[in-house]
PDB file of N, CA and C in Angstrom:
ATOM      1  N   MET A   1       1.589 -57.694 -42.301  1.00  0.00           N
ATOM      2  CA  MET A   1       2.673 -56.928 -42.469  1.00  0.00           C
ATOM      3  C   MET A   1       2.745 -56.523 -43.845  1.00  0.00           C
ATOM      4  N   ARG A   2       2.915 -57.640 -44.838  1.00  0.00           N
ATOM      5  CA  ARG A   2       3.356 -57.221 -46.302  1.00  0.00           C
ATOM      6  C   ARG A   2       2.186 -56.847 -46.997  1.00  0.00           C
ATOM      7  N   LYS A   3       1.098 -56.904 -46.759  1.00  0.00           N
ATOM      8  CA  LYS A   3      -0.141 -56.204 -47.345  1.00  0.00           C
ATOM      9  C   LYS A   3       0.279 -54.810 -47.169  1.00  0.00           C
ATOM     10  N   HIS A   4       0.381 -54.234 -45.677  1.00  0.00           N
ATOM     11  CA  HIS A   4       0.608 -53.010 -45.219  1.00  0.00           C
ATOM     12  C   HIS A   4       1.406 -52.277 -46.241  1.00  0.00           C
ATOM     13  N   ILE A   5       2.741 -53.004 -46.559  1.00  0.00           N
ATOM     14  CA  ILE A   5       3.792 -52.484 -47.306  1.00  0.00           C
ATOM     15  C   ILE A   5       3.563 -52.499 -48.910  1.00  0.00           C
ATOM     16  N   GLU A   6       2.962 -53.289 -49.323  1.00  0.00           N
ATOM     17  CA  GLU A   6       2.377 -53.175 -50.585  1.00  0.00           C
ATOM     18  C   GLU A   6       1.292 -52.146 -51.132  1.00  0.00           C
ATOM     19  N   LYS A   7       0.497 -52.124 -49.921  1.00  0.00           N
ATOM     20  CA  LYS A   7      -0.591 -50.725 -50.044  1.00  0.00           C
ATOM     21  C   LYS A   7       0.078 -49.299 -50.194  1.00  0.00           C
ATOM     22  N   ILE A   8       0.941 -49.221 -49.135  1.00  0.00           N
ATOM     23  CA  ILE A   8       1.679 -47.800 -49.310  1.00  0.00           C
ATOM     24  C   ILE A   8       2.494 -47.656 -50.060  1.00  0.00           C
ATOM     25  N   HIS A   9       3.142 -48.834 -50.826  1.00  0.00           N
ATOM     26  CA  HIS A   9       3.993 -48.678 -52.077  1.00  0.00           C
ATOM     27  C   HIS A   9       3.235 -48.157 -53.359  1.00  0.00           C
ATOM     28  N   THR A  10       2.197 -48.857 -53.274  1.00  0.00           N
ATOM     29  CA  THR A  10       0.910 -48.723 -54.410  1.00  0.00           C
ATOM     30  C   THR A  10       0.606 -47.221 -54.365  1.00  0.00           C
ATOM     31  N   ASP A  11       0.297 -46.588 -53.366  1.00  0.00           N
ATOM     32  CA  ASP A  11      -0.768 -45.302 -52.793  1.00  0.00           C
ATOM     33  C   ASP A  11       0.591 -44.541 -53.067  1.00  0.00           C
ATOM     34  N   SER A  12       1.853 -44.466 -53.154  1.00  0.00           N
ATOM     35  CA  SER A  12       2.984 -43.749 -53.321  1.00  0.00           C
ATOM     36  C   SER A  12       3.440 -43.867 -54.967  1.00  0.00           C
ATOM     37  N   ARG A  13       2.556 -44.525 -55.672  1.00  0.00           N
ATOM     38  CA  ARG A  13       2.661 -44.749 -57.154  1.00  0.00           C
ATOM     39  C   ARG A  13       3.912 -45.217 -57.364  1.00  0.00           C
ATOM     40  N   GLY A  14       4.583 -46.028 -56.521  1.00  0.00           N
ATOM     41  CA  GLY A  14       5.935 -46.964 -56.791  1.00  0.00           C
ATOM     42  C   GLY A  14       6.963 -46.204 -56.380  1.00  0.00           C
ATOM     43  N   THR A  15       6.687 -44.813 -55.838  1.00  0.00           N
ATOM     44  CA  THR A  15       8.227 -44.289 -55.380  1.00  0.00           C
ATOM     45  C   THR A  15       8.661 -44.525 -54.218  1.00  0.00           C
ATOM     46  N   TYR A  16       8.091 -44.910 -53.094  1.00  0.00           N
ATOM     47  CA  TYR A  16       8.562 -44.907 -51.459  1.00  0.00           C
ATOM     48  C   TYR A  16       9.520 -46.253 -51.704  1.00  0.00           C
ATOM     49  N   GLY A  17      10.352 -46.090 -51.073  1.00  0.00           N
ATOM     50  CA  GLY A  17      11.305 -46.922 -50.942  1.00  0.00           C
ATOM     51  C   GLY A  17      11.379 -47.194 -49.354  1.00  0.00           C
ATOM     52  N   SER A  18      12.375 -48.314 -48.534  1.00  0.00           N
ATOM     53  CA  SER A  18      11.897 -48.811 -47.461  1.00  0.00           C
ATOM     54  C   SER A  18      12.114 -47.693 -46.430  1.00  0.00           C
ATOM     55  N   PRO A  19      12.568 -46.654 -46.442  1.00  0.00           N
ATOM     56  CA  PRO A  19      12.675 -45.666 -45.300  1.00  0.00           C
ATOM     57  C   PRO A  19      11.337 -44.933 -45.262  1.00  0.00           C
ATOM     58  N   ARG A  20      10.964 -44.450 -46.526  1.00  0.00           N
ATOM     59  CA  ARG A  20       9.405 -43.911 -46.285  1.00  0.00           C
ATOM     60  C   ARG A  20       8.524 -44.576 -45.947  1.00  0.00           C
ATOM     61  N   VAL A  21       8.473 -46.205 -46.468  1.00  0.00           N
ATOM     62  CA  VAL A  21       7.276 -47.005 -46.002  1.00  0.00           C
ATOM     63  C   VAL A  21       7.637 -47.217 -44.634  1.00  0.00           C
ATOM     64  N   HIS A  22       8.480 -47.574 -44.034  1.00  0.00           N
ATOM     65  CA  HIS A  22       8.996 -47.396 -42.475  1.00  0.00           C
ATOM     66  C   HIS A  22       8.334 -46.744 -41.841  1.00  0.00           C
ATOM     67  N   ALA A  23       8.349 -45.151 -42.505  1.00  0.00           N
ATOM     68  CA  ALA A  23       8.001 -43.896 -41.534  1.00  0.00           C
ATOM     69  C   ALA A  23       6.461 -44.190 -41.985  1.00  0.00           C
ATOM     70  N   GLU A  24       5.828 -44.566 -42.947  1.00  0.00           N
ATOM     71  CA  GLU A  24       4.338 -44.511 -43.242  1.00  0.00           C
ATOM     72  C   GLU A  24       4.031 -45.907 -41.857  1.00  0.00           C
ATOM     73  N   LEU A  25       4.374 -46.659 -41.754  1.00  0.00           N
ATOM     74  CA  LEU A  25       3.981 -47.832 -41.257  1.00  0.00           C
ATOM     75  C   LEU A  25       4.206 -47.365 -39.784  1.00  0.00           C
ATOM     76  N   VAL A  26       4.995 -46.941 -38.851  1.00  0.00           N
ATOM     77  CA  VAL A  26       5.374 -46.497 -37.669  1.00  0.00           C
ATOM     78  C   VAL A  26       4.809 -45.269 -37.437  1.00  0.00           C
ATOM     79  N   LEU A  27       4.610 -44.222 -38.145  1.00  0.00           N
ATOM     80  CA  LEU A  27       4.159 -42.846 -37.922  1.00  0.00           C
ATOM     81  C   LEU A  27       2.564 -43.085 -38.131  1.00  0.00           C
ATOM     82  N   GLY A  28       2.322 -43.312 -39.240  1.00  0.00           N
ATOM     83  CA  GLY A  28       0.791 -43.305 -39.813  1.00  0.00           C
ATOM     84  C   GLY A  28       0.096 -44.315 -39.388  1.00  0.00           C
ATOM     85  N   LEU A  29       0.786 -45.758 -39.213  1.00  0.00           N
ATOM     86  CA  LEU A  29      -0.077 -46.744 -38.531  1.00  0.00           C
ATOM     87  C   LEU A  29       0.046 -47.122 -37.492  1.00  0.00           C
ATOM     88  N   GLY A  30       0.973 -46.436 -36.943  1.00  0.00           N
ATOM     89  CA  GLY A  30       1.491 -46.939 -35.452  1.00  0.00           C
ATOM     90  C   GLY A  30       2.025 -48.462 -35.318  1.00  0.00           C
ATOM     91  N   LEU A  31       2.483 -49.131 -36.098  1.00  0.00           N
ATOM     92  CA  LEU A  31       3.004 -50.140 -36.192  1.00  0.00           C
ATOM     93  C   LEU A  31       4.478 -50.300 -35.681  1.00  0.00           C
ATOM     94  N   PRO A  32       4.744 -50.827 -34.578  1.00  0.00           N
ATOM     95  CA  PRO A  32       6.053 -51.254 -34.288  1.00  0.00           C
ATOM     96  C   PRO A  32       6.865 -52.434 -35.128  1.00  0.00           C
ATOM     97  N   VAL A  33       7.638 -51.649 -36.081  1.00  0.00           N
ATOM     98  CA  VAL A  33       8.686 -52.491 -36.944  1.00  0.00           C
ATOM     99  C   VAL A  33       9.518 -51.809 -37.164  1.00  0.00           C
ATOM    100  N   ASN A  34      10.921 -52.961 -37.606  1.00  0.00           N
ATOM    101  CA  ASN A  34      11.991 -52.277 -37.899  1.00  0.00           C
ATOM    102  C   ASN A  34      12.407 -52.193 -39.151  1.00  0.00           C
ATOM    103  N   LEU A  35      13.122 -51.084 -39.642  1.00  0.00           N
ATOM    104  CA  LEU A  35      13.447 -50.474 -40.900  1.00  0.00           C
ATOM    105  C   LEU A  35      13.793 -51.647 -41.773  1.00  0.00           C
ATOM    106  N   LYS A  36      14.859 -52.605 -41.105  1.00  0.00           N
ATOM    107  CA  LYS A  36      15.696 -53.770 -41.817  1.00  0.00           C
ATOM    108  C   LYS A  36      14.376 -54.391 -42.147  1.00  0.00           C
ATOM    109  N   ARG A  37      13.214 -55.036 -41.406  1.00  0.00           N
ATOM    110  CA  ARG A  37      12.524 -55.999 -41.619  1.00  0.00           C
ATOM    111  C   ARG A  37      11.751 -55.487 -42.620  1.00  0.00           C
ATOM    112  N   VAL A  38      11.237 -54.165 -42.978  1.00  0.00           N
ATOM    113  CA  VAL A  38      10.696 -53.328 -44.107  1.00  0.00           C
ATOM    114  C   VAL A  38      11.438 -53.713 -45.159  1.00  0.00           C
ATOM    115  N   ALA A  39      12.690 -53.405 -44.998  1.00  0.00           N
ATOM    116  CA  ALA A  39      13.578 -53.657 -46.422  1.00  0.00           C
ATOM    117  C   ALA A  39      13.743 -54.866 -46.654  1.00  0.00           C
ATOM    118  N   ARG A  40      13.884 -55.812 -45.941  1.00  0.00           N
ATOM    119  CA  ARG A  40      13.871 -57.545 -46.099  1.00  0.00           C
ATOM    120  C   ARG A  40      12.349 -57.882 -46.944  1.00  0.00           C
ATOM    121  N   LEU A  41      11.502 -57.469 -46.276  1.00  0.00           N
ATOM    122  CA  LEU A  41      10.238 -57.832 -46.733  1.00  0.00           C
ATOM    123  C   LEU A  41      10.004 -57.360 -48.258  1.00  0.00           C
ATOM    124  N   MET A  42      10.297 -55.731 -48.557  1.00  0.00           N
ATOM    125  CA  MET A  42      10.103 -55.321 -49.631  1.00  0.00           C
ATOM    126  C   MET A  42      11.100 -56.046 -50.663  1.00  0.00           C
ATOM    127  N   ARG A  43      12.138 -56.325 -50.219  1.00  0.00           N
ATOM    128  CA  ARG A  43      13.125 -57.142 -51.237  1.00  0.00           C
ATOM    129  C   ARG A  43      12.564 -58.493 -51.826  1.00  0.00           C
ATOM    130  N   ASP A  44      12.096 -59.220 -50.674  1.00  0.00           N
ATOM    131  CA  ASP A  44      11.588 -60.607 -50.859  1.00  0.00           C
ATOM    132  C   ASP A  44      10.251 -60.338 -51.847  1.00  0.00           C
ATOM    133  N   ALA A  45       9.708 -59.224 -51.681  1.00  0.00           N
ATOM    134  CA  ALA A  45       8.399 -59.364 -52.589  1.00  0.00           C
ATOM    135  C   ALA A  45       8.842 -58.531 -53.809  1.00  0.00           C
ATOM    136  N   GLY A  46       9.908 -58.345 -54.177  1.00  0.00           N
ATOM    137  CA  GLY A  46      10.577 -57.509 -55.375  1.00  0.00           C
ATOM    138  C   GLY A  46      10.169 -56.203 -55.613  1.00  0.00           C
ATOM    139  N   ILE A  47       9.904 -55.300 -54.458  1.00  0.00           N
ATOM    140  CA  ILE A  47       9.488 -54.056 -54.324  1.00  0.00           C
ATOM    141  C   ILE A  47      10.436 -53.055 -54.077  1.00  0.00           C
ATOM    142  N   GLN A  48      10.661 -52.125 -54.792  1.00  0.00           N
ATOM    143  CA  GLN A  48      11.681 -51.200 -54.559  1.00  0.00           C
ATOM    144  C   GLN A  48      11.130 -49.619 -54.936  1.00  0.00           C
ATOM    145  N   GLY A  49      11.958 -48.665 -54.159  1.00  0.00           N
ATOM    146  CA  GLY A  49      11.318 -47.520 -54.633  1.00  0.00           C
ATOM    147  C   GLY A  49      11.887 -46.783 -55.954  1.00  0.00           C
ATOM    148  N   LEU A  50      11.456 -45.612 -56.251  1.00  0.00           N
ATOM    149  CA  LEU A  50      12.098 -44.859 -57.413  1.00  0.00           C
ATOM    150  C   LEU A  50      13.413 -44.035 -57.123  1.00  0.00           C
ATOM    151  N   TYR A  51      14.604 -44.386 -57.789  1.00  0.00           N
ATOM    152  CA  TYR A  51      15.550 -43.707 -57.581  1.00  0.00           C
ATOM    153  C   TYR A  51      15.977 -42.725 -58.571  1.00  0.00           C
ATOM    154  N   ARG A  52      15.854 -41.492 -58.011  1.00  0.00           N
ATOM    155  CA  ARG A  52      16.117 -40.297 -58.777  1.00  0.00           C
ATOM    156  C   ARG A  52      17.638 -39.749 -58.387  1.00  0.00           C
ATOM    157  N   ARG A  53      18.417 -39.523 -59.616  1.00  0.00           N
ATOM    158  CA  ARG A  53      19.677 -39.015 -59.391  1.00  0.00           C
ATOM    159  C   ARG A  53      19.501 -37.303 -59.481  1.00  0.00           C
ATOM    160  N   ARG A  54      20.272 -36.968 -58.217  1.00  0.00           N
ATOM    161  CA  ARG A  54      19.852 -35.601 -58.255  1.00  0.00           C
ATOM    162  C   ARG A  54      21.035 -34.868 -59.268  1.00  0.00           C
ATOM    163  N   ARG A  55      20.535 -33.766 -59.646  1.00  0.00           N
ATOM    164  CA  ARG A  55      21.588 -32.969 -60.839  1.00  0.00           C
ATOM    165  C   ARG A  55      22.372 -32.116 -60.240  1.00  0.00           C
ATOM    166  N   HIS A  56      23.484 -31.914 -60.502  1.00  0.00           N
ATOM    167  CA  HIS A  56      24.557 -30.888 -60.124  1.00  0.00           C
ATOM    168  C   HIS A  56      24.546 -29.793 -61.054  1.00  0.00           C
ATOM    169  N   GLY A  57      24.190 -28.715 -60.728  1.00  0.00           N
ATOM    170  CA  GLY A  57      24.628 -27.427 -61.482  1.00  0.00           C
ATOM    171  C   GLY A  57      24.478 -27.739 -63.129  1.00  0.00           C
ATOM    172  N   CYS A  58      24.433 -26.835 -63.798  1.00  0.00           N
ATOM    173  CA  CYS A  58      24.270 -26.577 -65.200  1.00  0.00           C
ATOM    174  C   CYS A  58      25.867 -26.020 -65.755  1.00  0.00           C
ATOM    175  N   THR A  59      26.582 -25.347 -64.883  1.00  0.00           N
ATOM    176  CA  THR A  59      27.632 -24.743 -65.524  1.00  0.00           C
ATOM    177  C   THR A  59      28.764 -25.653 -65.506  1.00  0.00           C
ATOM    178  N   ILE A  60      29.527 -25.912 -66.496  1.00  0.00           N
ATOM    179  CA  ILE A  60      30.746 -26.653 -66.667  1.00  0.00           C
ATOM    180  C   ILE A  60      31.859 -25.611 -67.077  1.00  0.00           C
ATOM    181  N   ARG A  61      32.550 -25.167 -66.168  1.00  0.00           N
ATOM    182  CA  ARG A  61      33.726 -24.436 -66.827  1.00  0.00           C
ATOM    183  C   ARG A  61      34.849 -24.935 -67.580  1.00  0.00           C
ATOM    184  N   ASP A  62      35.497 -24.095 -68.352  1.00  0.00           N
ATOM    185  CA  ASP A  62      36.518 -24.446 -69.192  1.00  0.00           C
ATOM    186  C   ASP A  62      37.799 -24.202 -68.500  1.00  0.00           C
ATOM    187  N   PRO A  63      38.519 -25.123 -68.004  1.00  0.00           N
ATOM    188  CA  PRO A  63      39.856 -24.299 -67.241  1.00  0.00           C
ATOM    189  C   PRO A  63      40.698 -23.856 -68.023  1.00  0.00           C
ATOM    190  N   HIS A  64      40.714 -23.907 -69.366  1.00  0.00           N
ATOM    191  CA  HIS A  64      41.762 -23.173 -70.239  1.00  0.00           C
ATOM    192  C   HIS A  64      41.290 -21.922 -70.853  1.00  0.00           C
ATOM    193  N   ALA A  65      39.823 -21.202 -70.442  1.00  0.00           N
ATOM    194  CA  ALA A  65      39.295 -20.101 -71.118  1.00  0.00           C
ATOM    195  C   ALA A  65      40.042 -19.002 -70.210  1.00  0.00           C
ATOM    196  N   GLN A  66      40.031 -17.793 -71.070  1.00  0.00           N
ATOM    197  CA  GLN A  66      40.560 -16.669 -70.273  1.00  0.00           C
ATOM    198  C   GLN A  66      39.214 -15.980 -69.877  1.00  0.00           C
ATOM    199  N   PRO A  67      39.216 -15.286 -68.323  1.00  0.00           N
ATOM    200  CA  PRO A  67      38.258 -14.705 -67.715  1.00  0.00           C
ATOM    201  C   PRO A  67      37.876 -13.584 -68.474  1.00  0.00           C
ATOM    202  N   SER A  68      36.644 -12.913 -68.525  1.00  0.00           N
ATOM    203  CA  SER A  68      36.397 -11.674 -68.902  1.00  0.00           C
ATOM    204  C   SER A  68      37.156 -10.785 -68.396  1.00  0.00           C
ATOM    205  N   ASP A  69      37.312  -9.554 -69.103  1.00  0.00           N
ATOM    206  CA  ASP A  69      37.722  -8.349 -68.134  1.00  0.00           C
ATOM    207  C   ASP A  69      36.741  -7.624 -67.020  1.00  0.00           C
ATOM    208  N   ASP A  70      37.212  -7.223 -65.955  1.00  0.00           N
ATOM    209  CA  ASP A  70      36.135  -6.584 -65.165  1.00  0.00           C
ATOM    210  C   ASP A  70      36.491  -5.057 -65.728  1.00  0.00           C
ATOM    211  N   LEU A  71      35.239  -4.762 -66.289  1.00  0.00           N
ATOM    212  CA  LEU A  71      35.112  -3.401 -66.804  1.00  0.00           C
ATOM    213  C   LEU A  71      34.943  -2.149 -65.838  1.00  0.00           C
ATOM    214  N   VAL A  72      34.395  -2.661 -64.588  1.00  0.00           N
ATOM    215  CA  VAL A  72      34.229  -1.521 -63.647  1.00  0.00           C
ATOM    216  C   VAL A  72      35.275  -1.635 -62.481  1.00  0.00           C
ATOM    217  N   ASN A  73      36.078  -2.495 -62.747  1.00  0.00           N
ATOM    218  CA  ASN A  73      36.853  -2.759 -61.514  1.00  0.00           C
ATOM    219  C   ASN A  73      36.192  -2.875 -60.174  1.00  0.00           C
ATOM    220  N   ARG A  74      35.214  -3.547 -60.264  1.00  0.00           N
ATOM    221  CA  ARG A  74      34.678  -3.674 -58.601  1.00  0.00           C
ATOM    222  C   ARG A  74      33.936  -2.417 -58.121  1.00  0.00           C
ATOM    223  N   GLN A  75      33.788  -1.460 -58.828  1.00  0.00           N
ATOM    224  CA  GLN A  75      33.423  -0.129 -58.526  1.00  0.00           C
ATOM    225  C   GLN A  75      31.858  -0.071 -58.866  1.00  0.00           C
ATOM    226  N   PHE A  76      30.966   0.075 -58.058  1.00  0.00           N
ATOM    227  CA  PHE A  76      29.633   0.050 -58.016  1.00  0.00           C
ATOM    228  C   PHE A  76      28.727   1.265 -57.724  1.00  0.00           C
ATOM    229  N   THR A  77      29.582   1.973 -57.290  1.00  0.00           N
ATOM    230  CA  THR A  77      29.159   3.551 -57.116  1.00  0.00           C
ATOM    231  C   THR A  77      28.913   4.251 -58.260  1.00  0.00           C
ATOM    232  N   VAL A  78      28.180   4.956 -58.886  1.00  0.00           N
ATOM    233  CA  VAL A  78      28.165   5.768 -59.677  1.00  0.00           C
ATOM    234  C   VAL A  78      27.247   7.236 -59.378  1.00  0.00           C
ATOM    235  N   HIS A  79      27.462   8.387 -60.043  1.00  0.00           N
ATOM    236  CA  HIS A  79      27.212   9.439 -59.677  1.00  0.00           C
ATOM    237  C   HIS A  79      25.935  10.088 -60.662  1.00  0.00           C
ATOM    238  N   GLU A  80      25.819   9.299 -61.708  1.00  0.00           N
ATOM    239  CA  GLU A  80      24.660   9.919 -62.785  1.00  0.00           C
ATOM    240  C   GLU A  80      24.144   8.565 -63.212  1.00  0.00           C
ATOM    241  N   PRO A  81      23.084   8.556 -63.706  1.00  0.00           N
ATOM    242  CA  PRO A  81      21.878   7.411 -64.046  1.00  0.00           C
ATOM    243  C   PRO A  81      22.604   7.196 -65.607  1.00  0.00           C
ATOM    244  N   ASN A  82      22.366   6.034 -66.005  1.00  0.00           N
ATOM    245  CA  ASN A  82      22.541   5.383 -67.186  1.00  0.00           C
ATOM    246  C   ASN A  82      24.048   5.132 -67.810  1.00  0.00           C
ATOM    247  N   ARG A  83      24.895   5.041 -66.557  1.00  0.00           N
ATOM    248  CA  ARG A  83      26.131   4.742 -66.899  1.00  0.00           C
ATOM    249  C   ARG A  83      26.569   3.476 -66.418  1.00  0.00           C
ATOM    250  N   LEU A  84      25.977   2.775 -65.540  1.00  0.00           N
ATOM    251  CA  LEU A  84      26.284   1.240 -65.122  1.00  0.00           C
ATOM    252  C   LEU A  84      25.250   0.503 -65.014  1.00  0.00           C
ATOM    253  N   TRP A  85      24.850  -0.554 -65.694  1.00  0.00           N
ATOM    254  CA  TRP A  85      23.807  -1.390 -65.368  1.00  0.00           C
ATOM    255  C   TRP A  85      24.120  -2.669 -65.052  1.00  0.00           C
ATOM    256  N   ILE A  86      23.341  -3.303 -64.160  1.00  0.00           N
ATOM    257  CA  ILE A  86      23.476  -4.474 -63.312  1.00  0.00           C
ATOM    258  C   ILE A  86      22.339  -5.377 -63.598  1.00  0.00           C
ATOM    259  N   THR A  87      22.797  -6.941 -63.584  1.00  0.00           N
ATOM    260  CA  THR A  87      21.659  -7.862 -64.017  1.00  0.00           C
ATOM    261  C   THR A  87      21.820  -9.196 -63.201  1.00  0.00           C
ATOM    262  N   ASP A  88      21.103  -9.908 -63.101  1.00  0.00           N
ATOM    263  CA  ASP A  88      20.938 -11.263 -62.378  1.00  0.00           C
ATOM    264  C   ASP A  88      19.812 -12.293 -62.893  1.00  0.00           C
ATOM    265  N   ILE A  89      20.264 -13.357 -62.962  1.00  0.00           N
ATOM    266  CA  ILE A  89      19.334 -14.310 -63.508  1.00  0.00           C
ATOM    267  C   ILE A  89      19.229 -15.428 -62.822  1.00  0.00           C
ATOM    268  N   THR A  90      18.004 -15.994 -62.152  1.00  0.00           N
ATOM    269  CA  THR A  90      17.976 -17.007 -61.285  1.00  0.00           C
ATOM    270  C   THR A  90      16.872 -18.248 -61.946  1.00  0.00           C
ATOM    271  N   GLU A  91      17.289 -19.534 -61.782  1.00  0.00           N
ATOM    272  CA  GLU A  91      16.658 -20.826 -62.198  1.00  0.00           C
ATOM    273  C   GLU A  91      15.672 -21.285 -61.338  1.00  0.00           C
ATOM    274  N   HIS A  92      14.583 -21.509 -61.498  1.00  0.00           N
ATOM    275  CA  HIS A  92      13.487 -21.847 -60.535  1.00  0.00           C
ATOM    276  C   HIS A  92      12.910 -23.123 -61.043  1.00  0.00           C
ATOM    277  N   PRO A  93      13.120 -24.459 -60.655  1.00  0.00           N
ATOM    278  CA  PRO A  93      12.318 -25.575 -61.324  1.00  0.00           C
ATOM    279  C   PRO A  93      10.766 -25.749 -60.652  1.00  0.00           C
ATOM    280  N   THR A  94      10.189 -25.820 -61.778  1.00  0.00           N
ATOM    281  CA  THR A  94       8.795 -25.598 -61.169  1.00  0.00           C
ATOM    282  C   THR A  94       8.135 -27.542 -61.814  1.00  0.00           C
ATOM    283  N   GLY A  95       7.127 -27.516 -61.668  1.00  0.00           N
ATOM    284  CA  GLY A  95       6.229 -29.001 -62.124  1.00  0.00           C
ATOM    285  C   GLY A  95       6.210 -29.222 -63.662  1.00  0.00           C
ATOM    286  N   GLU A  96       6.368 -28.261 -64.331  1.00  0.00           N
ATOM    287  CA  GLU A  96       6.269 -28.353 -65.840  1.00  0.00           C
ATOM    288  C   GLU A  96       7.584 -27.901 -66.452  1.00  0.00           C
ATOM    289  N   GLY A  97       8.824 -27.711 -65.471  1.00  0.00           N
ATOM    290  CA  GLY A  97      10.012 -27.627 -66.279  1.00  0.00           C
ATOM    291  C   GLY A  97      10.707 -26.431 -65.601  1.00  0.00           C
ATOM    292  N   LYS A  98      11.513 -25.955 -66.235  1.00  0.00           N
ATOM    293  CA  LYS A  98      12.490 -24.852 -65.420  1.00  0.00           C
ATOM    294  C   LYS A  98      11.856 -23.309 -65.867  1.00  0.00           C
ATOM    295  N   LEU A  99      12.031 -22.535 -64.838  1.00  0.00           N
ATOM    296  CA  LEU A  99      11.398 -21.207 -65.190  1.00  0.00           C
ATOM    297  C   LEU A  99      12.870 -20.087 -65.184  1.00  0.00           C
ATOM    298  N   TYR A 100      13.057 -19.234 -65.822  1.00  0.00           N
ATOM    299  CA  TYR A 100      14.069 -18.578 -65.320  1.00  0.00           C
ATOM    300  C   TYR A 100      13.732 -16.973 -65.288  1.00  0.00           C
ATOM    301  N   CYS A 101      14.046 -16.414 -64.169  1.00  0.00           N
ATOM    302  CA  CYS A 101      13.975 -15.034 -64.000  1.00  0.00           C
ATOM    303  C   CYS A 101      15.025 -14.220 -64.261  1.00  0.00           C
ATOM    304  N   ALA A 102      14.886 -13.011 -64.942  1.00  0.00           N
ATOM    305  CA  ALA A 102      16.247 -12.110 -65.200  1.00  0.00           C
ATOM    306  C   ALA A 102      15.618 -10.754 -64.856  1.00  0.00           C
ATOM    307  N   ALA A 103      16.703 -10.048 -64.350  1.00  0.00           N
ATOM    308  CA  ALA A 103      16.211  -8.430 -63.918  1.00  0.00           C
ATOM    309  C   ALA A 103      17.389  -7.810 -64.368  1.00  0.00           C
ATOM    310  N   VAL A 104      17.184  -6.673 -64.941  1.00  0.00           N
ATOM    311  CA  VAL A 104      18.257  -5.771 -65.118  1.00  0.00           C
ATOM    312  C   VAL A 104      18.016  -4.372 -64.827  1.00  0.00           C
ATOM    313  N   MET A 105      18.641  -3.438 -64.171  1.00  0.00           N
ATOM    314  CA  MET A 105      18.449  -2.584 -63.518  1.00  0.00           C
ATOM    315  C   MET A 105      19.671  -1.355 -63.503  1.00  0.00           C
ATOM    316  N   ASP A 106      19.334  -0.247 -63.444  1.00  0.00           N
ATOM    317  CA  ASP A 106      20.559   0.680 -63.677  1.00  0.00           C
ATOM    318  C   ASP A 106      21.162   1.085 -62.279  1.00  0.00           C
ATOM    319  N   ALA A 107      22.299   0.823 -62.014  1.00  0.00           N
ATOM    320  CA  ALA A 107      22.765   1.082 -60.688  1.00  0.00           C
ATOM    321  C   ALA A 107      22.840   2.210 -59.942  1.00  0.00           C
ATOM    322  N   ARG A 108      22.219   3.494 -60.562  1.00  0.00           N
ATOM    323  CA  ARG A 108      22.032   4.854 -60.150  1.00  0.00           C
ATOM    324  C   ARG A 108      20.545   4.965 -60.273  1.00  0.00           C
ATOM    325  N   ARG A 109      19.844   4.627 -59.293  1.00  0.00           N
ATOM    326  CA  ARG A 109      18.363   4.901 -59.147  1.00  0.00           C
ATOM    327  C   ARG A 109      18.262   6.065 -58.421  1.00  0.00           C
ATOM    328  N   PRO A 110      17.283   6.889 -59.039  1.00  0.00           N
ATOM    329  CA  PRO A 110      16.836   8.091 -58.392  1.00  0.00           C
ATOM    330  C   PRO A 110      16.479   7.986 -57.101  1.00  0.00           C
ATOM    331  N   ARG A 111      16.820   8.695 -56.137  1.00  0.00           N
ATOM    332  CA  ARG A 111      16.394   8.830 -54.933  1.00  0.00           C
ATOM    333  C   ARG A 111      15.209   9.117 -54.819  1.00  0.00           C
ATOM    334  N   PRO A 112      14.274   8.869 -53.774  1.00  0.00           N
ATOM    335  CA  PRO A 112      12.877   9.341 -53.379  1.00  0.00           C
ATOM    336  C   PRO A 112      13.229  10.585 -52.752  1.00  0.00           C
ATOM    337  N   SER A 113      12.436  11.414 -52.794  1.00  0.00           N
ATOM    338  CA  SER A 113      12.440  13.151 -52.404  1.00  0.00           C
ATOM    339  C   SER A 113      12.807  12.684 -50.912  1.00  0.00           C
ATOM    340  N   TYR A 114      12.379  12.152 -50.206  1.00  0.00           N
ATOM    341  CA  TYR A 114      12.365  12.077 -48.731  1.00  0.00           C
ATOM    342  C   TYR A 114      13.517  11.425 -48.090  1.00  0.00           C
ATOM    343  N   CYS A 115      14.344  10.813 -49.298  1.00  0.00           N
ATOM    344  CA  CYS A 115      15.908  10.698 -48.930  1.00  0.00           C
ATOM    345  C   CYS A 115      16.905  11.785 -49.055  1.00  0.00           C
ATOM    346  N   GLN A 116      16.537  13.002 -49.868  1.00  0.00           N
ATOM    347  CA  GLN A 116      17.331  13.697 -49.774  1.00  0.00           C
ATOM    348  C   GLN A 116      17.601  14.666 -48.916  1.00  0.00           C
TER     349      GLN A 116
END
């Protein structure tokens, strides 16, 4: 059993902990084994998974800061172009780092001719 655990852990480049090793043993190899036994055998062998702390958001608000004024008073309906512009930015994590996508558009888009 210990050889299987060491192989699974090595094949995962040392990232799998006892829950994933247990899943590989039970589901992948079909071996009937208890999760606690896998955890104990890994502990006895000095094997542990890689612990990655999750990141929580990147914005830290200043509780004493004065919020910006709402210049449009939440009125997003406009009757002519080039009067109100809206924007959005999104962060996408990738294997090489973070990728940011920003979009800016006029709130008054011309309607297609078939909508008039």
